Amino acid sequence: MPAPQAVPAALPQERRLVTAIPGPKSRELMARKSAAVADGVGTVMPVFAARAGGGVIEDVDGNSLIDFGSGIAVTSVGSSAEAVVRRAAAQLADFTHTCFMVTPYEGYVAVCEELARLTPGGHAKKSALFNSGAEAVENAVKIARVATGRQAVVVFDHGYHGRTNLTMALTAKNMPYKQGFGPFAPEVYRMPLAYPYRWPTGPERCAEEAAAQVTDLIDKQVGAGNVAAIVIEPVLGEGGFIVPAPGFLPRIAAYARAHGIVFVADEIQSGFCRTGRWFACEHEGVVPDLVTTAKGIAGGLPLAAVTGRAELMDAAHTGGLGGTYGGNPVACAAALGAIETMRELDLNARARRIEEVVRDRLGALREACPAIGDLRGRGAMMAVELVRPGTKEPDPRAAAALAASCHAQGLVVLTCGTYGNVLRFLPPLVIGEDLLREGLDILGGALARQ
C-alpha cells in the first residue's frame, strides 16, 4: 500500500517553532477574544491560525504546527485543498446565495447525487442538505418520526450527536454539552454500548451480551412498536473513539429492520474516508436506512446532509425540511471539490496506511507505558485511553497533561471521552508520512516524561 504523501501546498510541510506556544501575537489576540467572545466558546489551544494546508497549521507568530486534529475531522483533504479552493472560488464569483428553497441551483443537486452514489446500499436514495451535524441528526429524527408515525428515539451510552435541544438530549455526556441547558426533548431512551475495553465480562462476549441487553430493554421499557429511530455512531467520536464490538452494529440493525425502526448511522465524524472506507458502517457491511454526514464533507465549509431510502426521505411534506442556508452554493461547490480530491488521491487507502503507521508506533508505546489502557480506532481515527497504571480507572489529568506537552512542542492533538481520558488522533488524510512520524515521536517523548 503506498505511503501517503503531502499534497502540493503553499506552506512548507514542516514543524517550525520560532516562539513559545503561544507566541506574543496569539497572546494579544487571546486577550481580545476574552473581551469580545462569550466565555462559553472555548478553545483547545490559545494559538491563532494564520494559514493552514496539507498537514500543518501556521500561527500568527510564524510557528508551524503538525496537525493531528483536522478541525475535529473536518479538513480531511487539508485546509486549502486545490479542488476545494478552485470550485468554491468559482462559485463565489457567480453568486453566494439564493436559497435553494427559492431559486434552486445545480450544485445542491450534484452533491445529493454524489451522496446517493457513495453511501452504503444499492437502493434508491435521496438527500436533504443542512448546515451542521446537529441539524442533520435532528432532521433524521424528524424524518424517522413522520415516516413511522412513532415518537421514541433510542441512543447509546457515550454517544455524541450535537448541541441543539434535541441533540443534547441524544448526547450522553453532561459536561460541557448539557450542564444547565435543560429541560431537554422527551422520548429519548439511552441504551448500553458494546464498549469492548470496559465490558464487564470481557471483549469476547461484549457484542452478544450488549445487543441482548439493548433489545431486552427496548422491548420491556419502551416497546419496539413505539420506536421511530435507533441512532448510533459506527465509531463513537466525542465519547472516546470507541469501536463497538464486532457484531454489535449488525445485530442492532437487524433488530431495527425486524421491527420497522429506522436505523440511523451518525457518520458525522467517521464519514468520508476517515476510517479507510467511505463510511465506517461499511466495515461490518451494515446498510443504514438513513446516514447523517457533515465535518469532512466539504473541506472546511459548513455543510451537512441526511441521506437515505427514498421512501423515507419523501415521507416529510413539502416544506417540512430545509433552512435558509442549508446547502449553500459555495459549500456545495467545496463538497464537490473535496469528493474529487478523495477520489483522485484515494484517501481511503491513505487512511488505512495512516492506521498502519499509528498502530505500529502506538502499539510499541503501549507495551512500554502502563498508563495506556487501550489503543483503538479505525483508519485515521485512532485513540489511546489513559488509565492509572495497573487499573482501568480513567486518568483525565494524564490525558490533559499529555495534550499540553504535545501542544507546547507544536503538535495539535485533542482529548475526548466520557471520562475525559482519551487522546485522539485525526490527522488530515493528506499528511506526509514524515510529519505523521514526527508527530508520533513527539507523543512518544511526552509519554516518556509523564
Protein backbone atom coordinates (compact mmCIF):
# COMPACT_ATOMS: atom_id res chain seq x y z
CA MET A 1 0.00 0.00 0.00
CA PRO A 2 1.53 3.37 -0.95
CA ALA A 3 2.59 5.71 1.82
CA PRO A 4 0.63 8.97 1.97
CA GLN A 5 2.44 11.99 0.61
CA ALA A 6 1.65 15.62 1.28
CA VAL A 7 -0.33 17.31 -1.47
CA PRO A 8 1.26 20.36 -3.09
CA ALA A 9 0.76 23.23 -0.66
CA ALA A 10 1.90 26.82 -0.38
CA LEU A 11 3.03 26.09 3.15
CA PRO A 12 6.27 24.21 3.83
CA GLN A 13 5.27 20.84 5.26
CA GLU A 14 7.39 21.03 8.37
CA ARG A 15 7.16 21.69 12.10
CA ARG A 16 8.77 25.00 12.96
CA LEU A 17 8.82 26.74 16.35
CA VAL A 18 10.07 30.32 16.41
CA THR A 19 8.38 31.38 19.67
CA ALA A 20 6.99 29.70 22.73
CA ILE A 21 3.49 28.29 22.30
CA PRO A 22 1.52 30.54 22.45
CA GLY A 23 3.55 33.37 20.97
CA PRO A 24 3.11 37.09 21.66
CA LYS A 25 0.68 37.78 18.80
CA SER A 26 -1.51 34.84 19.82
CA ARG A 27 -1.48 36.05 23.43
CA GLU A 28 -2.55 39.51 22.28
CA LEU A 29 -5.38 38.03 20.21
CA MET A 30 -6.42 35.81 23.11
CA ALA A 31 -6.82 38.91 25.25
CA ARG A 32 -9.06 40.42 22.56
CA LYS A 33 -11.03 37.16 22.43
CA SER A 34 -11.57 37.24 26.18
CA ALA A 35 -13.02 40.74 25.89
CA ALA A 36 -15.23 40.15 22.85
CA VAL A 37 -16.18 36.45 22.65
CA ALA A 38 -18.53 34.72 25.07
CA ASP A 39 -16.70 32.63 27.66
CA GLY A 40 -18.86 29.64 26.73
CA VAL A 41 -16.92 29.37 23.46
CA GLY A 42 -13.74 27.57 24.48
CA THR A 43 -10.53 26.76 22.63
CA VAL A 44 -8.23 23.76 22.82
CA MET A 45 -5.06 25.77 22.17
CA PRO A 46 -4.53 29.52 22.72
CA VAL A 47 -2.93 29.76 19.28
CA PHE A 48 -4.42 31.79 16.44
CA ALA A 49 -4.15 30.35 12.94
CA ALA A 50 -2.90 32.43 10.02
CA ARG A 51 -2.64 29.78 7.29
CA ALA A 52 -3.09 26.04 7.01
CA GLY A 53 -2.62 23.36 4.39
CA GLY A 54 -1.53 19.76 3.96
CA GLY A 55 -0.58 18.53 7.43
CA VAL A 56 0.37 21.84 9.10
CA ILE A 57 -1.16 24.94 10.67
CA GLU A 58 0.86 28.17 10.70
CA ASP A 59 0.03 30.56 13.51
CA VAL A 60 0.18 34.37 13.61
CA ASP A 61 3.64 34.23 15.22
CA GLY A 62 5.11 32.17 12.38
CA ASN A 63 5.10 28.83 14.18
CA SER A 64 4.22 25.82 12.03
CA LEU A 65 2.35 23.11 13.94
CA ILE A 66 1.76 19.49 12.98
CA ASP A 67 -1.98 18.98 12.71
CA PHE A 68 -3.39 15.85 14.36
CA GLY A 69 -6.84 17.44 14.73
CA SER A 70 -8.10 18.39 11.24
CA GLY A 71 -10.50 20.88 12.82
CA ILE A 72 -12.18 17.88 14.51
CA ALA A 73 -12.15 15.61 11.45
CA VAL A 74 -13.24 18.36 9.06
CA THR A 75 -10.21 19.09 6.88
CA SER A 76 -9.54 15.52 5.77
CA VAL A 77 -8.40 16.80 2.37
CA GLY A 78 -6.28 19.51 4.00
CA SER A 79 -7.23 23.05 4.95
CA SER A 80 -6.65 24.50 1.48
CA ALA A 81 -7.12 21.65 -0.99
CA GLU A 82 -6.74 22.85 -4.58
CA ALA A 83 -10.04 21.45 -5.84
CA VAL A 84 -11.97 22.83 -2.86
CA VAL A 85 -10.49 26.31 -3.27
CA ARG A 86 -10.90 26.28 -7.05
CA ARG A 87 -14.54 25.21 -7.04
CA ALA A 88 -15.54 27.40 -4.10
CA ALA A 89 -13.83 30.45 -5.61
CA ALA A 90 -15.59 29.93 -8.93
CA GLN A 91 -18.94 29.69 -7.17
CA LEU A 92 -18.21 32.81 -5.12
CA ALA A 93 -17.69 34.71 -8.35
CA ASP A 94 -21.08 33.59 -9.66
CA PHE A 95 -23.28 34.03 -6.58
CA THR A 96 -23.06 33.38 -2.86
CA HIS A 97 -26.70 32.62 -2.06
CA THR A 98 -30.18 32.47 -3.49
CA CYS A 99 -31.72 29.99 -1.02
CA PHE A 100 -32.33 26.60 -2.62
CA MET A 101 -35.95 26.76 -1.47
CA VAL A 102 -36.46 29.95 -3.52
CA THR A 103 -34.41 29.53 -6.69
CA PRO A 104 -32.50 26.23 -6.71
CA TYR A 105 -29.09 25.61 -8.27
CA GLU A 106 -27.25 22.63 -9.74
CA GLY A 107 -24.58 22.29 -7.03
CA TYR A 108 -27.10 21.17 -4.42
CA VAL A 109 -28.45 18.50 -6.74
CA ALA A 110 -24.93 17.36 -7.67
CA VAL A 111 -23.98 16.88 -4.01
CA CYS A 112 -27.13 14.83 -3.41
CA GLU A 113 -26.29 12.69 -6.46
CA GLU A 114 -22.80 12.06 -5.08
CA LEU A 115 -24.23 11.11 -1.69
CA ALA A 116 -26.56 8.61 -3.34
CA ARG A 117 -23.58 7.03 -5.08
CA LEU A 118 -21.24 6.98 -2.07
CA THR A 119 -23.42 5.96 0.88
CA PRO A 120 -23.93 2.21 1.54
CA GLY A 121 -26.61 0.21 -0.24
CA GLY A 122 -27.90 -0.11 -3.78
CA HIS A 123 -31.44 1.09 -3.03
CA ALA A 124 -32.91 4.34 -4.35
CA LYS A 125 -31.73 7.25 -2.19
CA LYS A 126 -32.42 10.91 -1.72
CA SER A 127 -30.80 13.61 0.42
CA ALA A 128 -31.52 16.90 2.12
CA LEU A 129 -28.73 19.37 2.92
CA PHE A 130 -28.22 21.41 6.08
CA ASN A 131 -25.52 23.43 7.85
CA SER A 132 -24.23 21.34 10.76
CA GLY A 133 -24.07 17.81 12.08
CA ALA A 134 -26.57 18.59 14.82
CA GLU A 135 -29.05 19.84 12.21
CA ALA A 136 -28.57 16.66 10.22
CA VAL A 137 -29.26 14.43 13.23
CA GLU A 138 -32.28 16.47 14.24
CA ASN A 139 -33.72 16.24 10.74
CA ALA A 140 -33.04 12.50 10.59
CA VAL A 141 -35.18 12.13 13.71
CA LYS A 142 -37.90 14.30 12.14
CA ILE A 143 -37.90 12.11 9.04
CA ALA A 144 -37.99 8.89 11.04
CA ARG A 145 -40.89 10.13 13.16
CA VAL A 146 -43.03 11.24 10.26
CA ALA A 147 -42.24 8.08 8.27
CA THR A 148 -43.10 5.68 11.12
CA GLY A 149 -45.76 7.63 12.99
CA ARG A 150 -43.80 6.88 16.19
CA GLN A 151 -42.00 9.13 18.66
CA ALA A 152 -39.35 7.28 20.69
CA VAL A 153 -35.67 7.57 19.80
CA VAL A 154 -33.05 5.11 21.06
CA VAL A 155 -29.44 6.25 21.55
CA PHE A 156 -26.40 4.85 23.36
CA ASP A 157 -24.04 5.41 26.25
CA HIS A 158 -21.04 7.56 25.27
CA GLY A 159 -22.81 8.88 22.16
CA TYR A 160 -22.50 12.47 20.98
CA HIS A 161 -24.95 13.95 18.47
CA GLY A 162 -24.87 17.74 18.83
CA ARG A 163 -25.71 20.87 20.81
CA THR A 164 -29.29 21.71 19.80
CA ASN A 165 -32.01 20.93 22.34
CA LEU A 166 -32.94 17.60 20.78
CA THR A 167 -29.36 16.55 20.06
CA MET A 168 -28.29 17.49 23.59
CA ALA A 169 -30.95 15.06 24.76
CA LEU A 170 -29.49 12.42 22.43
CA THR A 171 -25.94 13.10 23.68
CA ALA A 172 -24.73 11.09 26.67
CA LYS A 173 -22.09 13.34 28.23
CA ASN A 174 -23.30 16.05 30.57
CA MET A 175 -20.29 18.36 30.88
CA PRO A 176 -19.73 20.53 28.92
CA TYR A 177 -22.52 19.75 26.47
CA LYS A 178 -25.68 19.63 28.62
CA GLN A 179 -24.95 21.14 32.02
CA GLY A 180 -27.54 23.79 32.88
CA PHE A 181 -29.22 23.80 29.45
CA GLY A 182 -32.30 21.66 30.18
CA PRO A 183 -35.09 20.71 30.12
CA PHE A 184 -34.43 18.53 27.12
CA ALA A 185 -36.61 17.00 24.45
CA PRO A 186 -38.61 13.96 25.63
CA GLU A 187 -38.96 10.41 24.28
CA VAL A 188 -35.22 9.71 24.22
CA TYR A 189 -34.03 6.36 25.63
CA ARG A 190 -30.37 5.57 26.30
CA MET A 191 -29.02 2.04 25.97
CA PRO A 192 -25.73 0.31 26.88
CA LEU A 193 -23.00 0.32 24.26
CA ALA A 194 -20.79 -2.62 23.36
CA TYR A 195 -17.61 -0.98 24.69
CA PRO A 196 -15.04 -3.78 24.48
CA TYR A 197 -12.42 -2.32 26.82
CA ARG A 198 -14.93 -1.71 29.62
CA TRP A 199 -17.40 -4.56 29.12
CA PRO A 200 -17.74 -6.38 32.49
CA THR A 201 -17.33 -9.92 31.12
CA GLY A 202 -14.62 -9.03 28.61
CA PRO A 203 -14.48 -8.15 24.91
CA GLU A 204 -15.16 -11.67 23.64
CA ARG A 205 -18.80 -11.69 24.82
CA CYS A 206 -19.35 -7.97 24.50
CA ALA A 207 -21.29 -7.78 21.23
CA GLU A 208 -23.71 -10.60 22.01
CA GLU A 209 -24.40 -9.56 25.58
CA ALA A 210 -24.72 -5.85 24.84
CA ALA A 211 -27.10 -6.44 21.92
CA ALA A 212 -29.22 -8.76 24.09
CA GLN A 213 -29.40 -6.11 26.80
CA VAL A 214 -30.38 -3.41 24.32
CA THR A 215 -33.15 -5.37 22.67
CA ASP A 216 -34.48 -6.57 26.03
CA LEU A 217 -34.56 -3.02 27.41
CA ILE A 218 -36.30 -1.71 24.31
CA ASP A 219 -38.88 -4.49 24.41
CA LYS A 220 -39.61 -4.11 28.11
CA GLN A 221 -39.19 -0.40 28.81
CA VAL A 222 -40.04 1.34 25.54
CA GLY A 223 -41.84 -1.10 23.26
CA ALA A 224 -40.36 -1.72 19.84
CA GLY A 225 -43.59 -0.56 18.23
CA ASN A 226 -43.08 2.89 19.76
CA VAL A 227 -39.54 3.43 18.46
CA ALA A 228 -39.13 5.68 15.44
CA ALA A 229 -35.34 5.52 15.20
CA ILE A 230 -32.20 3.98 16.61
CA VAL A 231 -29.34 6.47 16.24
CA ILE A 232 -25.71 5.36 16.66
CA GLU A 233 -22.21 6.38 15.61
CA PRO A 234 -20.48 3.42 13.91
CA VAL A 235 -17.30 4.68 15.56
CA LEU A 236 -18.10 6.92 18.50
CA GLY A 237 -16.44 10.32 18.33
CA GLU A 238 -16.60 12.63 21.36
CA GLY A 239 -17.42 9.63 23.55
CA GLY A 240 -13.91 8.25 23.13
CA PHE A 241 -13.36 6.83 19.63
CA ILE A 242 -15.00 3.60 20.72
CA VAL A 243 -15.35 0.95 18.02
CA PRO A 244 -18.36 -1.15 19.09
CA ALA A 245 -17.52 -4.82 19.49
CA PRO A 246 -17.67 -6.67 16.14
CA GLY A 247 -21.17 -7.95 15.52
CA PHE A 248 -22.95 -5.39 17.69
CA LEU A 249 -23.93 -2.99 14.89
CA PRO A 250 -25.26 -5.76 12.60
CA ARG A 251 -27.34 -7.15 15.47
CA ILE A 252 -28.87 -3.77 16.28
CA ALA A 253 -29.51 -3.03 12.59
CA ALA A 254 -31.23 -6.41 12.17
CA TYR A 255 -33.42 -5.76 15.22
CA ALA A 256 -34.39 -2.36 13.82
CA ARG A 257 -35.26 -3.87 10.46
CA ALA A 258 -37.37 -6.61 12.04
CA HIS A 259 -39.44 -4.07 14.00
CA GLY A 260 -39.87 -1.34 11.41
CA ILE A 261 -37.46 1.00 13.22
CA VAL A 262 -35.38 3.45 11.18
CA PHE A 263 -31.67 2.68 11.69
CA VAL A 264 -29.68 5.93 11.57
CA ALA A 265 -25.89 5.85 11.22
CA ASP A 266 -24.41 9.09 12.55
CA GLU A 267 -21.31 9.27 10.32
CA ILE A 268 -20.63 12.93 11.00
CA GLN A 269 -17.14 12.33 12.40
CA SER A 270 -16.43 8.91 10.88
CA GLY A 271 -17.56 9.51 7.31
CA PHE A 272 -15.79 10.46 4.06
CA CYS A 273 -12.72 8.19 4.10
CA ARG A 274 -11.81 8.89 7.72
CA THR A 275 -11.82 5.21 8.73
CA GLY A 276 -10.44 3.80 5.48
CA ARG A 277 -13.88 3.33 3.92
CA TRP A 278 -16.21 5.99 2.61
CA PHE A 279 -18.36 5.31 5.67
CA ALA A 280 -17.49 3.45 8.86
CA CYS A 281 -20.60 1.24 8.85
CA GLU A 282 -19.19 -0.42 5.70
CA HIS A 283 -16.56 -2.21 7.82
CA GLU A 284 -19.28 -4.59 9.03
CA GLY A 285 -21.50 -4.49 5.96
CA VAL A 286 -24.23 -2.50 7.70
CA VAL A 287 -26.61 -0.65 5.37
CA PRO A 288 -28.38 2.11 7.32
CA ASP A 289 -31.81 3.45 6.47
CA LEU A 290 -30.53 6.99 6.99
CA VAL A 291 -26.97 8.35 7.16
CA THR A 292 -26.09 11.73 8.65
CA THR A 293 -22.94 13.47 7.43
CA ALA A 294 -21.11 16.76 7.98
CA LYS A 295 -17.50 17.58 9.04
CA GLY A 296 -15.35 16.05 6.27
CA ILE A 297 -17.96 16.53 3.54
CA ALA A 298 -16.90 19.99 2.32
CA GLY A 299 -13.23 20.57 3.12
CA GLY A 300 -13.94 23.05 5.90
CA LEU A 301 -17.06 24.84 4.70
CA PRO A 302 -20.32 24.36 6.66
CA LEU A 303 -22.43 21.63 5.08
CA ALA A 304 -24.33 18.62 6.37
CA ALA A 305 -26.72 16.07 4.96
CA VAL A 306 -29.26 13.38 5.66
CA THR A 307 -29.18 10.65 3.01
CA GLY A 308 -31.41 7.63 2.97
CA ARG A 309 -34.01 5.41 1.45
CA ALA A 310 -36.07 7.44 -0.99
CA GLU A 311 -39.39 6.40 0.51
CA LEU A 312 -38.27 7.55 3.96
CA MET A 313 -36.79 10.80 2.72
CA ASP A 314 -40.02 11.55 0.85
CA ALA A 315 -42.21 10.97 3.92
CA ALA A 316 -41.97 14.59 5.06
CA HIS A 317 -44.44 17.00 3.48
CA THR A 318 -43.14 19.61 1.04
CA GLY A 319 -41.66 22.48 3.03
CA GLY A 320 -41.12 20.30 6.10
CA LEU A 321 -37.37 20.06 5.52
CA GLY A 322 -34.92 22.83 4.73
CA GLY A 323 -33.45 26.04 6.09
CA THR A 324 -32.32 29.39 4.77
CA TYR A 325 -28.65 28.43 4.39
CA GLY A 326 -28.98 24.67 4.01
CA GLY A 327 -26.93 23.51 1.02
CA ASN A 328 -25.32 26.92 0.47
CA PRO A 329 -23.94 27.03 -3.10
CA VAL A 330 -20.35 27.80 -2.06
CA ALA A 331 -20.38 24.95 0.47
CA CYS A 332 -21.81 22.61 -2.18
CA ALA A 333 -19.04 23.58 -4.60
CA ALA A 334 -16.48 22.90 -1.87
CA ALA A 335 -18.05 19.49 -1.20
CA LEU A 336 -17.74 18.52 -4.85
CA GLY A 337 -14.08 19.59 -4.70
CA ALA A 338 -13.49 17.57 -1.53
CA ILE A 339 -15.06 14.44 -3.03
CA GLU A 340 -13.00 14.96 -6.20
CA THR A 341 -9.85 15.08 -4.04
CA MET A 342 -10.83 11.99 -2.06
CA ARG A 343 -11.26 10.01 -5.27
CA GLU A 344 -8.16 11.28 -7.08
CA LEU A 345 -5.83 10.74 -4.11
CA ASP A 346 -7.56 7.53 -2.95
CA LEU A 347 -7.85 8.86 0.57
CA ASN A 348 -9.39 5.60 1.77
CA ALA A 349 -6.06 3.92 1.07
CA ARG A 350 -4.24 6.77 2.77
CA ALA A 351 -6.40 6.43 5.87
CA ARG A 352 -5.58 2.73 6.03
CA ARG A 353 -1.87 3.49 5.70
CA ILE A 354 -2.10 6.08 8.48
CA GLU A 355 -3.68 3.41 10.68
CA GLU A 356 -0.79 1.04 9.97
CA VAL A 357 1.78 3.64 10.97
CA VAL A 358 -0.11 4.80 14.05
CA ARG A 359 -0.91 1.28 15.28
CA ASP A 360 2.67 0.19 14.87
CA ARG A 361 4.07 3.13 16.83
CA LEU A 362 1.35 3.39 19.48
CA GLY A 363 1.36 -0.37 19.94
CA ALA A 364 5.04 -0.17 20.87
CA LEU A 365 4.36 2.77 23.18
CA ARG A 366 1.54 0.84 24.83
CA GLU A 367 3.88 -2.04 25.63
CA ALA A 368 6.25 0.37 27.36
CA CYS A 369 3.66 2.61 29.03
CA PRO A 370 1.22 1.07 31.52
CA ALA A 371 -0.82 4.28 31.50
CA ILE A 372 -2.16 3.35 28.03
CA GLY A 373 -5.09 1.12 28.84
CA ASP A 374 -6.46 0.78 25.32
CA LEU A 375 -5.44 1.53 21.74
CA ARG A 376 -8.35 1.62 19.33
CA GLY A 377 -9.94 3.13 16.26
CA ARG A 378 -10.16 2.71 12.51
CA GLY A 379 -8.15 4.34 9.74
CA ALA A 380 -7.10 7.88 10.59
CA MET A 381 -9.47 7.94 13.56
CA MET A 382 -7.28 6.48 16.31
CA ALA A 383 -7.06 6.98 20.06
CA VAL A 384 -5.43 5.88 23.29
CA GLU A 385 -7.34 5.63 26.55
CA LEU A 386 -5.26 6.63 29.57
CA VAL A 387 -5.76 4.95 32.96
CA ARG A 388 -3.99 4.75 36.28
CA PRO A 389 -1.35 2.02 35.83
CA GLY A 390 -2.48 -1.39 36.96
CA THR A 391 -6.17 -0.42 36.86
CA LYS A 392 -8.87 0.65 34.41
CA GLU A 393 -9.55 3.81 36.40
CA PRO A 394 -9.78 6.71 33.94
CA ASP A 395 -6.99 9.29 34.23
CA PRO A 396 -8.20 12.56 32.71
CA ARG A 397 -5.33 14.51 34.32
CA ALA A 398 -2.80 12.41 32.46
CA ALA A 399 -4.65 13.00 29.19
CA ALA A 400 -4.73 16.75 29.76
CA ALA A 401 -1.04 16.84 30.72
CA LEU A 402 -0.05 14.77 27.70
CA ALA A 403 -2.04 17.01 25.36
CA ALA A 404 -0.48 20.13 26.89
CA SER A 405 3.01 18.71 26.43
CA CYS A 406 2.30 17.96 22.77
CA HIS A 407 0.85 21.44 22.24
CA ALA A 408 3.96 23.09 23.68
CA GLN A 409 6.08 21.20 21.15
CA GLY A 410 3.98 22.15 18.14
CA LEU A 411 1.68 19.13 17.82
CA VAL A 412 -2.07 19.74 17.71
CA VAL A 413 -3.87 16.89 19.49
CA LEU A 414 -7.35 16.63 21.00
CA THR A 415 -8.77 14.89 24.04
CA CYS A 416 -12.20 13.30 24.27
CA GLY A 417 -14.13 10.57 26.05
CA THR A 418 -16.92 10.39 28.59
CA TYR A 419 -14.26 10.41 31.32
CA GLY A 420 -12.00 12.94 29.57
CA ASN A 421 -9.16 10.42 29.49
CA VAL A 422 -8.81 9.71 25.77
CA LEU A 423 -6.24 11.26 23.44
CA ARG A 424 -7.48 11.14 19.85
CA PHE A 425 -5.62 11.46 16.57
CA LEU A 426 -7.32 12.88 13.48
CA PRO A 427 -4.59 13.92 11.05
CA PRO A 428 -5.54 15.22 7.61
CA LEU A 429 -5.60 12.26 5.25
CA VAL A 430 -3.12 14.13 3.03
CA ILE A 431 -0.48 14.45 5.74
CA GLY A 432 3.01 13.37 4.68
CA GLU A 433 4.33 10.28 6.39
CA ASP A 434 7.37 12.19 7.62
CA LEU A 435 5.14 14.64 9.51
CA LEU A 436 2.98 11.79 10.79
CA ARG A 437 6.01 10.00 12.20
CA GLU A 438 7.44 13.21 13.67
CA GLY A 439 4.14 13.84 15.45
CA LEU A 440 4.20 10.32 16.87
CA ASP A 441 7.79 10.89 18.02
CA ILE A 442 6.63 13.98 19.92
CA LEU A 443 3.83 11.97 21.51
CA GLY A 444 6.25 9.20 22.48
CA GLY A 445 8.59 11.67 24.12
CA ALA A 446 5.72 13.29 26.02
CA LEU A 447 4.60 9.89 27.28
CA ALA A 448 8.11 9.03 28.42
CA ARG A 449 8.19 12.22 30.51
CA GLN A 450 4.85 11.53 32.23
